[in-house]
PDB file of N, CA and C in Angstrom:
ATOM      1  N   MET A   1      13.578  17.235  -2.121  1.00  0.00           N
ATOM      2  CA  MET A   1      12.640  16.491  -2.181  1.00  0.00           C
ATOM      3  C   MET A   1      12.839  14.467  -1.364  1.00  0.00           C
ATOM      4  N   ALA A   2      12.258  14.469  -0.254  1.00  0.00           N
ATOM      5  CA  ALA A   2      12.562  13.308   0.882  1.00  0.00           C
ATOM      6  C   ALA A   2      12.293  12.528  -0.352  1.00  0.00           C
ATOM      7  N   SER A   3      12.787  11.556   0.237  1.00  0.00           N
ATOM      8  CA  SER A   3      12.282   9.771  -0.828  1.00  0.00           C
ATOM      9  C   SER A   3      12.709   8.570   0.651  1.00  0.00           C
ATOM     10  N   ILE A   4      11.494   7.912   0.308  1.00  0.00           N
ATOM     11  CA  ILE A   4      12.186   6.581   1.338  1.00  0.00           C
ATOM     12  C   ILE A   4      12.577   5.355   0.370  1.00  0.00           C
ATOM     13  N   LYS A   5      13.701   4.189   0.774  1.00  0.00           N
ATOM     14  CA  LYS A   5      13.706   3.312   0.295  1.00  0.00           C
ATOM     15  C   LYS A   5      13.369   2.313   1.390  1.00  0.00           C
ATOM     16  N   PRO A   6      12.527   1.205   0.997  1.00  0.00           N
ATOM     17  CA  PRO A   6      12.249   0.290   2.362  1.00  0.00           C
ATOM     18  C   PRO A   6      12.791  -0.779   2.050  1.00  0.00           C
ATOM     19  N   LEU A   7      13.285  -1.484   3.079  1.00  0.00           N
ATOM     20  CA  LEU A   7      13.996  -2.354   3.046  1.00  0.00           C
ATOM     21  C   LEU A   7      13.354  -4.103   3.200  1.00  0.00           C
ATOM     22  N   GLY A   8      14.432  -4.918   2.916  1.00  0.00           N
ATOM     23  CA  GLY A   8      13.688  -6.231   2.718  1.00  0.00           C
ATOM     24  C   GLY A   8      12.697  -6.331   1.944  1.00  0.00           C
ATOM     25  N   ASN A   9      11.746  -7.038   2.975  1.00  0.00           N
ATOM     26  CA  ASN A   9      10.662  -7.414   1.633  1.00  0.00           C
ATOM     27  C   ASN A   9       9.476  -6.502   1.830  1.00  0.00           C
ATOM     28  N   ARG A  10       9.820  -5.111   2.195  1.00  0.00           N
ATOM     29  CA  ARG A  10       8.689  -4.335   2.675  1.00  0.00           C
ATOM     30  C   ARG A  10       8.413  -3.675   1.334  1.00  0.00           C
ATOM     31  N   VAL A  11       7.313  -2.877   0.789  1.00  0.00           N
ATOM     32  CA  VAL A  11       6.635  -2.281  -0.385  1.00  0.00           C
ATOM     33  C   VAL A  11       6.065  -0.714   0.182  1.00  0.00           C
ATOM     34  N   LEU A  12       6.504   0.360  -0.453  1.00  0.00           N
ATOM     35  CA  LEU A  12       5.650   1.672   0.009  1.00  0.00           C
ATOM     36  C   LEU A  12       4.499   1.809  -1.408  1.00  0.00           C
ATOM     37  N   VAL A  13       3.588   2.511  -0.224  1.00  0.00           N
ATOM     38  CA  VAL A  13       2.306   2.392  -1.349  1.00  0.00           C
ATOM     39  C   VAL A  13       1.837   3.634  -0.680  1.00  0.00           C
ATOM     40  N   LYS A  14       0.937   3.833  -1.354  1.00  0.00           N
ATOM     41  CA  LYS A  14      -0.144   5.701  -1.573  1.00  0.00           C
ATOM     42  C   LYS A  14      -1.631   4.983  -1.862  1.00  0.00           C
ATOM     43  N   ARG A  15      -2.216   4.867  -0.405  1.00  0.00           N
ATOM     44  CA  ARG A  15      -3.724   4.402  -0.482  1.00  0.00           C
ATOM     45  C   ARG A  15      -4.417   5.536  -1.820  1.00  0.00           C
ATOM     46  N   LEU A  16      -5.171   5.062  -2.588  1.00  0.00           N
ATOM     47  CA  LEU A  16      -6.535   5.411  -3.938  1.00  0.00           C
ATOM     48  C   LEU A  16      -7.512   6.201  -2.721  1.00  0.00           C
ATOM     49  N   GLU A  17      -7.861   6.882  -3.348  1.00  0.00           N
ATOM     50  CA  GLU A  17      -9.013   8.136  -2.557  1.00  0.00           C
ATOM     51  C   GLU A  17     -10.110   6.622  -2.889  1.00  0.00           C
ATOM     52  N   ALA A  18     -10.531   6.603  -1.521  1.00  0.00           N
ATOM     53  CA  ALA A  18     -11.743   6.397  -0.914  1.00  0.00           C
ATOM     54  C   ALA A  18     -12.697   6.754  -1.384  1.00  0.00           C
ATOM     55  N   GLU A  19     -14.187   5.893  -1.363  1.00  0.00           N
ATOM     56  CA  GLU A  19     -15.739   6.998  -1.910  1.00  0.00           C
ATOM     57  C   GLU A  19     -16.440   7.630  -1.593  1.00  0.00           C
ATOM     58  N   ALA A  20     -16.296   8.760  -1.891  1.00  0.00           N
ATOM     59  CA  ALA A  20     -16.806   9.890  -0.874  1.00  0.00           C
ATOM     60  C   ALA A  20     -18.254   9.847  -1.028  1.00  0.00           C
ATOM     61  N   VAL A  21     -19.541   9.068  -1.736  1.00  0.00           N
ATOM     62  CA  VAL A  21     -20.526   9.279  -1.996  1.00  0.00           C
ATOM     63  C   VAL A  21     -21.222   7.260  -1.500  1.00  0.00           C
ATOM     64  N   SER A  22     -22.163   7.172  -0.463  1.00  0.00           N
ATOM     65  CA  SER A  22     -22.183   5.533  -0.529  1.00  0.00           C
ATOM     66  C   SER A  22     -23.427   5.082  -2.123  1.00  0.00           C
ATOM     67  N   ALA A  23     -23.684   3.727  -1.831  1.00  0.00           N
ATOM     68  CA  ALA A  23     -24.464   3.509  -3.158  1.00  0.00           C
ATOM     69  C   ALA A  23     -25.099   3.692  -3.054  1.00  0.00           C
ATOM     70  N   GLY A  24     -26.016   4.593  -2.070  1.00  0.00           N
ATOM     71  CA  GLY A  24     -27.531   5.362  -1.931  1.00  0.00           C
ATOM     72  C   GLY A  24     -27.465   6.869  -2.160  1.00  0.00           C
ATOM     73  N   GLY A  25     -25.881   7.196  -2.670  1.00  0.00           N
ATOM     74  CA  GLY A  25     -26.254   8.573  -3.461  1.00  0.00           C
ATOM     75  C   GLY A  25     -25.918   9.555  -1.823  1.00  0.00           C
ATOM     76  N   ILE A  26     -25.570   9.568  -0.514  1.00  0.00           N
ATOM     77  CA  ILE A  26     -25.455   9.937   0.467  1.00  0.00           C
ATOM     78  C   ILE A  26     -23.914  10.282   0.045  1.00  0.00           C
ATOM     79  N   VAL A  27     -23.691  11.520   0.807  1.00  0.00           N
ATOM     80  CA  VAL A  27     -22.323  12.330   0.970  1.00  0.00           C
ATOM     81  C   VAL A  27     -21.618  11.940   2.115  1.00  0.00           C
ATOM     82  N   LEU A  28     -20.662  11.081   1.977  1.00  0.00           N
ATOM     83  CA  LEU A  28     -19.842  11.042   3.448  1.00  0.00           C
ATOM     84  C   LEU A  28     -19.070  11.838   3.596  1.00  0.00           C
ATOM     85  N   PRO A  29     -18.698  12.045   5.132  1.00  0.00           N
ATOM     86  CA  PRO A  29     -17.936  13.051   5.722  1.00  0.00           C
ATOM     87  C   PRO A  29     -16.669  12.220   5.849  1.00  0.00           C
ATOM     88  N   ASP A  30     -15.792  12.315   6.083  1.00  0.00           N
ATOM     89  CA  ASP A  30     -14.392  12.104   6.324  1.00  0.00           C
ATOM     90  C   ASP A  30     -14.346  11.514   7.255  1.00  0.00           C
ATOM     91  N   SER A  31     -14.509  11.394   8.275  1.00  0.00           N
ATOM     92  CA  SER A  31     -14.821  10.817   9.675  1.00  0.00           C
ATOM     93  C   SER A  31     -15.801   9.719   9.359  1.00  0.00           C
ATOM     94  N   ALA A  32     -17.037   9.404   8.287  1.00  0.00           N
ATOM     95  CA  ALA A  32     -17.557   8.092   8.618  1.00  0.00           C
ATOM     96  C   ALA A  32     -17.132   7.001   7.535  1.00  0.00           C
ATOM     97  N   GLN A  33     -15.546   7.916   6.880  1.00  0.00           N
ATOM     98  CA  GLN A  33     -15.168   6.724   5.400  1.00  0.00           C
ATOM     99  C   GLN A  33     -14.241   5.733   6.358  1.00  0.00           C
ATOM    100  N   GLU A  34     -14.288   4.558   6.042  1.00  0.00           N
ATOM    101  CA  GLU A  34     -13.371   3.676   6.335  1.00  0.00           C
ATOM    102  C   GLU A  34     -11.919   4.092   5.623  1.00  0.00           C
ATOM    103  N   LYS A  35     -10.569   3.615   6.171  1.00  0.00           N
ATOM    104  CA  LYS A  35      -9.388   3.956   5.314  1.00  0.00           C
ATOM    105  C   LYS A  35      -9.791   2.953   3.792  1.00  0.00           C
ATOM    106  N   PRO A  36      -9.485   3.414   2.734  1.00  0.00           N
ATOM    107  CA  PRO A  36      -9.419   2.678   1.935  1.00  0.00           C
ATOM    108  C   PRO A  36      -8.512   1.187   1.575  1.00  0.00           C
ATOM    109  N   GLN A  37      -8.523   0.047   0.935  1.00  0.00           N
ATOM    110  CA  GLN A  37      -7.699  -1.005   0.879  1.00  0.00           C
ATOM    111  C   GLN A  37      -7.069  -1.156  -0.122  1.00  0.00           C
ATOM    112  N   GLU A  38      -7.282  -0.131  -1.166  1.00  0.00           N
ATOM    113  CA  GLU A  38      -6.629  -0.139  -2.743  1.00  0.00           C
ATOM    114  C   GLU A  38      -6.201   0.822  -2.717  1.00  0.00           C
ATOM    115  N   ALA A  39      -4.877   0.054  -3.730  1.00  0.00           N
ATOM    116  CA  ALA A  39      -3.439   1.413  -3.315  1.00  0.00           C
ATOM    117  C   ALA A  39      -2.474   1.198  -4.555  1.00  0.00           C
ATOM    118  N   GLU A  40      -1.563   1.805  -5.030  1.00  0.00           N
ATOM    119  CA  GLU A  40      -0.578   1.672  -5.791  1.00  0.00           C
ATOM    120  C   GLU A  40       0.518   1.715  -5.072  1.00  0.00           C
ATOM    121  N   VAL A  41       1.173   0.557  -6.077  1.00  0.00           N
ATOM    122  CA  VAL A  41       2.613   0.455  -5.172  1.00  0.00           C
ATOM    123  C   VAL A  41       3.660   1.651  -5.621  1.00  0.00           C
ATOM    124  N   VAL A  42       4.318   2.276  -5.078  1.00  0.00           N
ATOM    125  CA  VAL A  42       5.479   3.720  -5.239  1.00  0.00           C
ATOM    126  C   VAL A  42       6.541   2.754  -5.334  1.00  0.00           C
ATOM    127  N   THR A  43       6.862   1.878  -4.626  1.00  0.00           N
ATOM    128  CA  THR A  43       8.408   1.420  -4.737  1.00  0.00           C
ATOM    129  C   THR A  43       8.998   0.168  -4.031  1.00  0.00           C
ATOM    130  N   LEU A  44       9.650  -0.374  -4.034  1.00  0.00           N
ATOM    131  CA  LEU A  44       9.568  -1.810  -3.516  1.00  0.00           C
ATOM    132  C   LEU A  44      10.992  -1.722  -3.379  1.00  0.00           C
ATOM    133  N   GLY A  45      10.735  -2.787  -1.900  1.00  0.00           N
ATOM    134  CA  GLY A  45      12.292  -2.419  -1.070  1.00  0.00           C
ATOM    135  C   GLY A  45      13.516  -3.124  -2.180  1.00  0.00           C
ATOM    136  N   THR A  46      14.511  -3.394  -0.334  1.00  0.00           N
ATOM    137  CA  THR A  46      15.585  -3.862  -1.240  1.00  0.00           C
ATOM    138  C   THR A  46      15.465  -5.472  -1.572  1.00  0.00           C
ATOM    139  N   GLY A  47      15.165  -6.203  -1.164  1.00  0.00           N
ATOM    140  CA  GLY A  47      14.376  -7.273  -1.042  1.00  0.00           C
ATOM    141  C   GLY A  47      16.009  -8.301  -0.525  1.00  0.00           C
ATOM    142  N   GLY A  48      16.471  -8.719  -0.716  1.00  0.00           N
ATOM    143  CA  GLY A  48      17.312 -10.140   0.413  1.00  0.00           C
ATOM    144  C   GLY A  48      17.629 -11.233   0.336  1.00  0.00           C
ATOM    145  N   THR A  49      17.435 -11.772   2.288  1.00  0.00           N
ATOM    146  CA  THR A  49      16.398 -13.430   1.058  1.00  0.00           C
ATOM    147  C   THR A  49      15.647 -13.648   2.732  1.00  0.00           C
ATOM    148  N   ASP A  50      15.377 -15.032   2.607  1.00  0.00           N
ATOM    149  CA  ASP A  50      14.425 -15.403   3.506  1.00  0.00           C
ATOM    150  C   ASP A  50      15.041 -15.865   4.617  1.00  0.00           C
ATOM    151  N   ASP A  51      14.515 -16.147   5.660  1.00  0.00           N
ATOM    152  CA  ASP A  51      15.108 -17.116   6.894  1.00  0.00           C
ATOM    153  C   ASP A  51      15.403 -18.143   6.711  1.00  0.00           C
ATOM    154  N   ASN A  52      15.236 -18.823   5.650  1.00  0.00           N
ATOM    155  CA  ASN A  52      15.381 -20.093   4.615  1.00  0.00           C
ATOM    156  C   ASN A  52      16.675 -19.964   3.669  1.00  0.00           C
ATOM    157  N   GLY A  53      17.134 -18.487   3.283  1.00  0.00           N
ATOM    158  CA  GLY A  53      18.333 -18.835   2.824  1.00  0.00           C
ATOM    159  C   GLY A  53      17.544 -18.237   1.323  1.00  0.00           C
ATOM    160  N   LYS A  54      16.858 -18.360   1.589  1.00  0.00           N
ATOM    161  CA  LYS A  54      15.962 -17.837  -0.679  1.00  0.00           C
ATOM    162  C   LYS A  54      15.782 -16.339  -0.539  1.00  0.00           C
ATOM    163  N   ASP A  55      16.181 -16.203  -2.151  1.00  0.00           N
ATOM    164  CA  ASP A  55      15.944 -15.021  -2.110  1.00  0.00           C
ATOM    165  C   ASP A  55      14.306 -14.061  -2.436  1.00  0.00           C
ATOM    166  N   ILE A  56      14.312 -12.715  -1.618  1.00  0.00           N
ATOM    167  CA  ILE A  56      12.935 -12.363  -2.059  1.00  0.00           C
ATOM    168  C   ILE A  56      12.674 -12.268  -3.146  1.00  0.00           C
ATOM    169  N   VAL A  57      11.457 -12.662  -3.518  1.00  0.00           N
ATOM    170  CA  VAL A  57      10.988 -12.003  -5.156  1.00  0.00           C
ATOM    171  C   VAL A  57       9.877 -11.315  -4.614  1.00  0.00           C
ATOM    172  N   PHE A  58       9.530 -10.203  -5.472  1.00  0.00           N
ATOM    173  CA  PHE A  58       8.638  -9.210  -5.102  1.00  0.00           C
ATOM    174  C   PHE A  58       7.648 -10.219  -6.044  1.00  0.00           C
ATOM    175  N   ASP A  59       6.330 -10.211  -5.549  1.00  0.00           N
ATOM    176  CA  ASP A  59       5.119 -10.499  -6.654  1.00  0.00           C
ATOM    177  C   ASP A  59       4.392  -9.292  -7.348  1.00  0.00           C
ATOM    178  N   VAL A  60       4.781  -8.264  -6.921  1.00  0.00           N
ATOM    179  CA  VAL A  60       4.243  -7.429  -7.554  1.00  0.00           C
ATOM    180  C   VAL A  60       5.416  -6.266  -8.323  1.00  0.00           C
ATOM    181  N   SER A  61       4.693  -5.202  -8.922  1.00  0.00           N
ATOM    182  CA  SER A  61       5.871  -4.036  -9.759  1.00  0.00           C
ATOM    183  C   SER A  61       5.370  -2.670  -9.379  1.00  0.00           C
ATOM    184  N   ILE A  62       6.626  -1.923  -9.498  1.00  0.00           N
ATOM    185  CA  ILE A  62       6.303  -0.273  -9.766  1.00  0.00           C
ATOM    186  C   ILE A  62       5.086   0.115 -10.340  1.00  0.00           C
ATOM    187  N   GLY A  63       3.785   0.618  -9.903  1.00  0.00           N
ATOM    188  CA  GLY A  63       2.509   1.000 -10.058  1.00  0.00           C
ATOM    189  C   GLY A  63       1.443   0.014 -10.496  1.00  0.00           C
ATOM    190  N   ASP A  64       1.535  -0.860 -10.129  1.00  0.00           N
ATOM    191  CA  ASP A  64       0.542  -2.057  -9.556  1.00  0.00           C
ATOM    192  C   ASP A  64      -0.306  -1.586  -8.246  1.00  0.00           C
ATOM    193  N   LYS A  65      -1.791  -1.797  -8.816  1.00  0.00           N
ATOM    194  CA  LYS A  65      -3.025  -1.466  -8.095  1.00  0.00           C
ATOM    195  C   LYS A  65      -3.545  -2.648  -7.267  1.00  0.00           C
ATOM    196  N   VAL A  66      -3.506  -2.423  -6.067  1.00  0.00           N
ATOM    197  CA  VAL A  66      -3.241  -4.069  -4.964  1.00  0.00           C
ATOM    198  C   VAL A  66      -4.391  -3.560  -4.104  1.00  0.00           C
ATOM    199  N   LEU A  67      -4.691  -4.393  -3.634  1.00  0.00           N
ATOM    200  CA  LEU A  67      -5.479  -4.804  -1.955  1.00  0.00           C
ATOM    201  C   LEU A  67      -4.645  -5.204  -1.173  1.00  0.00           C
ATOM    202  N   ILE A  68      -4.785  -4.533  -0.415  1.00  0.00           N
ATOM    203  CA  ILE A  68      -4.416  -4.290   0.934  1.00  0.00           C
ATOM    204  C   ILE A  68      -4.627  -5.236   2.303  1.00  0.00           C
ATOM    205  N   SER A  69      -4.263  -5.178   3.390  1.00  0.00           N
ATOM    206  CA  SER A  69      -4.769  -5.375   4.297  1.00  0.00           C
ATOM    207  C   SER A  69      -5.243  -4.341   5.281  1.00  0.00           C
ATOM    208  N   LYS A  70      -6.497  -4.253   6.078  1.00  0.00           N
ATOM    209  CA  LYS A  70      -7.277  -3.152   6.032  1.00  0.00           C
ATOM    210  C   LYS A  70      -6.350  -2.247   7.825  1.00  0.00           C
ATOM    211  N   TYR A  71      -5.633  -3.321   8.207  1.00  0.00           N
ATOM    212  CA  TYR A  71      -4.841  -2.575   9.826  1.00  0.00           C
ATOM    213  C   TYR A  71      -3.208  -2.630   9.003  1.00  0.00           C
ATOM    214  N   GLY A  72      -2.706  -3.446   8.290  1.00  0.00           N
ATOM    215  CA  GLY A  72      -1.370  -3.400   8.110  1.00  0.00           C
ATOM    216  C   GLY A  72      -0.783  -2.219   7.878  1.00  0.00           C
ATOM    217  N   GLY A  73       0.609  -2.520   7.947  1.00  0.00           N
ATOM    218  CA  GLY A  73       1.616  -1.551   7.914  1.00  0.00           C
ATOM    219  C   GLY A  73       1.815  -0.059   8.592  1.00  0.00           C
ATOM    220  N   THR A  74       2.397   0.943   8.502  1.00  0.00           N
ATOM    221  CA  THR A  74       2.727   1.698   8.581  1.00  0.00           C
ATOM    222  C   THR A  74       2.662   3.278   7.966  1.00  0.00           C
ATOM    223  N   ASP A  75       1.658   3.993   8.999  1.00  0.00           N
ATOM    224  CA  ASP A  75       1.827   5.035   8.298  1.00  0.00           C
ATOM    225  C   ASP A  75       3.111   6.309   8.050  1.00  0.00           C
ATOM    226  N   VAL A  76       3.425   6.856   6.996  1.00  0.00           N
ATOM    227  CA  VAL A  76       4.570   7.589   7.494  1.00  0.00           C
ATOM    228  C   VAL A  76       4.257   8.796   6.254  1.00  0.00           C
ATOM    229  N   LYS A  77       4.620   9.856   6.039  1.00  0.00           N
ATOM    230  CA  LYS A  77       3.876  11.342   5.433  1.00  0.00           C
ATOM    231  C   LYS A  77       5.755  11.877   4.948  1.00  0.00           C
ATOM    232  N   VAL A  78       5.601  11.984   3.477  1.00  0.00           N
ATOM    233  CA  VAL A  78       6.804  12.312   2.579  1.00  0.00           C
ATOM    234  C   VAL A  78       6.546  13.285   1.693  1.00  0.00           C
ATOM    235  N   ASP A  79       7.006  14.536   2.261  1.00  0.00           N
ATOM    236  CA  ASP A  79       6.761  16.262   1.581  1.00  0.00           C
ATOM    237  C   ASP A  79       5.377  16.388   1.164  1.00  0.00           C
ATOM    238  N   GLY A  80       4.439  16.166   2.564  1.00  0.00           N
ATOM    239  CA  GLY A  80       3.212  15.738   2.582  1.00  0.00           C
ATOM    240  C   GLY A  80       2.326  15.279   2.077  1.00  0.00           C
ATOM    241  N   GLU A  81       2.643  13.845   1.533  1.00  0.00           N
ATOM    242  CA  GLU A  81       1.596  12.625   0.673  1.00  0.00           C
ATOM    243  C   GLU A  81       1.816  11.593   2.080  1.00  0.00           C
ATOM    244  N   ASP A  82       0.876  11.352   1.882  1.00  0.00           N
ATOM    245  CA  ASP A  82       0.453   9.858   3.260  1.00  0.00           C
ATOM    246  C   ASP A  82       0.839   8.965   2.598  1.00  0.00           C
ATOM    247  N   LEU A  83       1.647   7.988   3.059  1.00  0.00           N
ATOM    248  CA  LEU A  83       2.000   6.701   1.946  1.00  0.00           C
ATOM    249  C   LEU A  83       1.803   5.726   3.028  1.00  0.00           C
ATOM    250  N   LEU A  84       2.198   4.825   2.771  1.00  0.00           N
ATOM    251  CA  LEU A  84       1.778   3.290   3.752  1.00  0.00           C
ATOM    252  C   LEU A  84       3.291   2.792   3.561  1.00  0.00           C
ATOM    253  N   ILE A  85       3.863   1.962   4.554  1.00  0.00           N
ATOM    254  CA  ILE A  85       4.681   1.048   4.378  1.00  0.00           C
ATOM    255  C   ILE A  85       4.409  -0.149   5.101  1.00  0.00           C
ATOM    256  N   LEU A  86       4.412  -1.868   4.531  1.00  0.00           N
ATOM    257  CA  LEU A  86       4.018  -2.609   4.983  1.00  0.00           C
ATOM    258  C   LEU A  86       4.664  -4.091   3.584  1.00  0.00           C
ATOM    259  N   THR A  87       4.400  -5.098   4.886  1.00  0.00           N
ATOM    260  CA  THR A  87       5.697  -6.295   4.316  1.00  0.00           C
ATOM    261  C   THR A  87       4.742  -7.289   2.638  1.00  0.00           C
ATOM    262  N   GLN A  88       5.318  -7.294   2.132  1.00  0.00           N
ATOM    263  CA  GLN A  88       4.679  -8.217   0.980  1.00  0.00           C
ATOM    264  C   GLN A  88       3.451  -8.898   1.304  1.00  0.00           C
ATOM    265  N   SER A  89       3.534  -9.417   2.918  1.00  0.00           N
ATOM    266  CA  SER A  89       2.346 -10.502   3.240  1.00  0.00           C
ATOM    267  C   SER A  89       1.171  -9.265   3.130  1.00  0.00           C
ATOM    268  N   ASP A  90       1.333  -8.155   3.438  1.00  0.00           N
ATOM    269  CA  ASP A  90       0.270  -7.854   3.991  1.00  0.00           C
ATOM    270  C   ASP A  90      -0.948  -7.437   2.341  1.00  0.00           C
ATOM    271  N   ILE A  91       0.116  -7.631   1.221  1.00  0.00           N
ATOM    272  CA  ILE A  91      -0.686  -7.440  -0.107  1.00  0.00           C
ATOM    273  C   ILE A  91      -1.761  -8.655   0.088  1.00  0.00           C
ATOM    274  N   LEU A  92      -2.627  -8.485  -0.673  1.00  0.00           N
ATOM    275  CA  LEU A  92      -3.538  -9.153  -0.458  1.00  0.00           C
ATOM    276  C   LEU A  92      -3.892 -10.115  -1.940  1.00  0.00           C
ATOM    277  N   GLY A  93      -3.795  -9.201  -2.755  1.00  0.00           N
ATOM    278  CA  GLY A  93      -3.878  -9.517  -4.305  1.00  0.00           C
ATOM    279  C   GLY A  93      -3.181  -8.312  -5.052  1.00  0.00           C
ATOM    280  N   VAL A  94      -3.376  -8.975  -6.284  1.00  0.00           N
ATOM    281  CA  VAL A  94      -3.094  -7.067  -7.241  1.00  0.00           C
ATOM    282  C   VAL A  94      -3.965  -7.085  -8.360  1.00  0.00           C
ATOM    283  N   LEU A  95      -4.860  -5.501  -8.237  1.00  0.00           N
ATOM    284  CA  LEU A  95      -6.402  -5.618  -8.782  1.00  0.00           C
ATOM    285  C   LEU A  95      -6.171  -5.827 -10.375  1.00  0.00           C
ATOM    286  N   THR A  96      -6.763  -6.018 -11.397  1.00  0.00           N
ATOM    287  CA  THR A  96      -6.711  -6.248 -13.044  1.00  0.00           C
ATOM    288  C   THR A  96      -8.061  -5.118 -13.358  1.00  0.00           C
ATOM    289  N   ASP A  97      -8.149  -5.190 -14.327  1.00  0.00           N
ATOM    290  CA  ASP A  97      -9.088  -4.525 -15.200  1.00  0.00           C
ATOM    291  C   ASP A  97     -10.370  -5.104 -15.285  1.00  0.00           C
TER     292      ASP A  97
END
């Protein structure tokens, strides 16, 4: 099994499934659905230091459900699973219950 360890302030996430039914009850085909902006954090990068020499501190943890920017990140496929590598700044917030 292959694995990816993001470098620096990057985060590996898995997009959560998009709603397949509209609010009006219409079943939407895959081509009509937008990419979901909700994701689950799979793993964190290596950290390091920023341009000012300060340590990079992650504001998210593995397993957190997050809201991500619509067009940020790079799509990757690992063992047939679609994942996304993005910088921590592309995470807009942590979802709470």
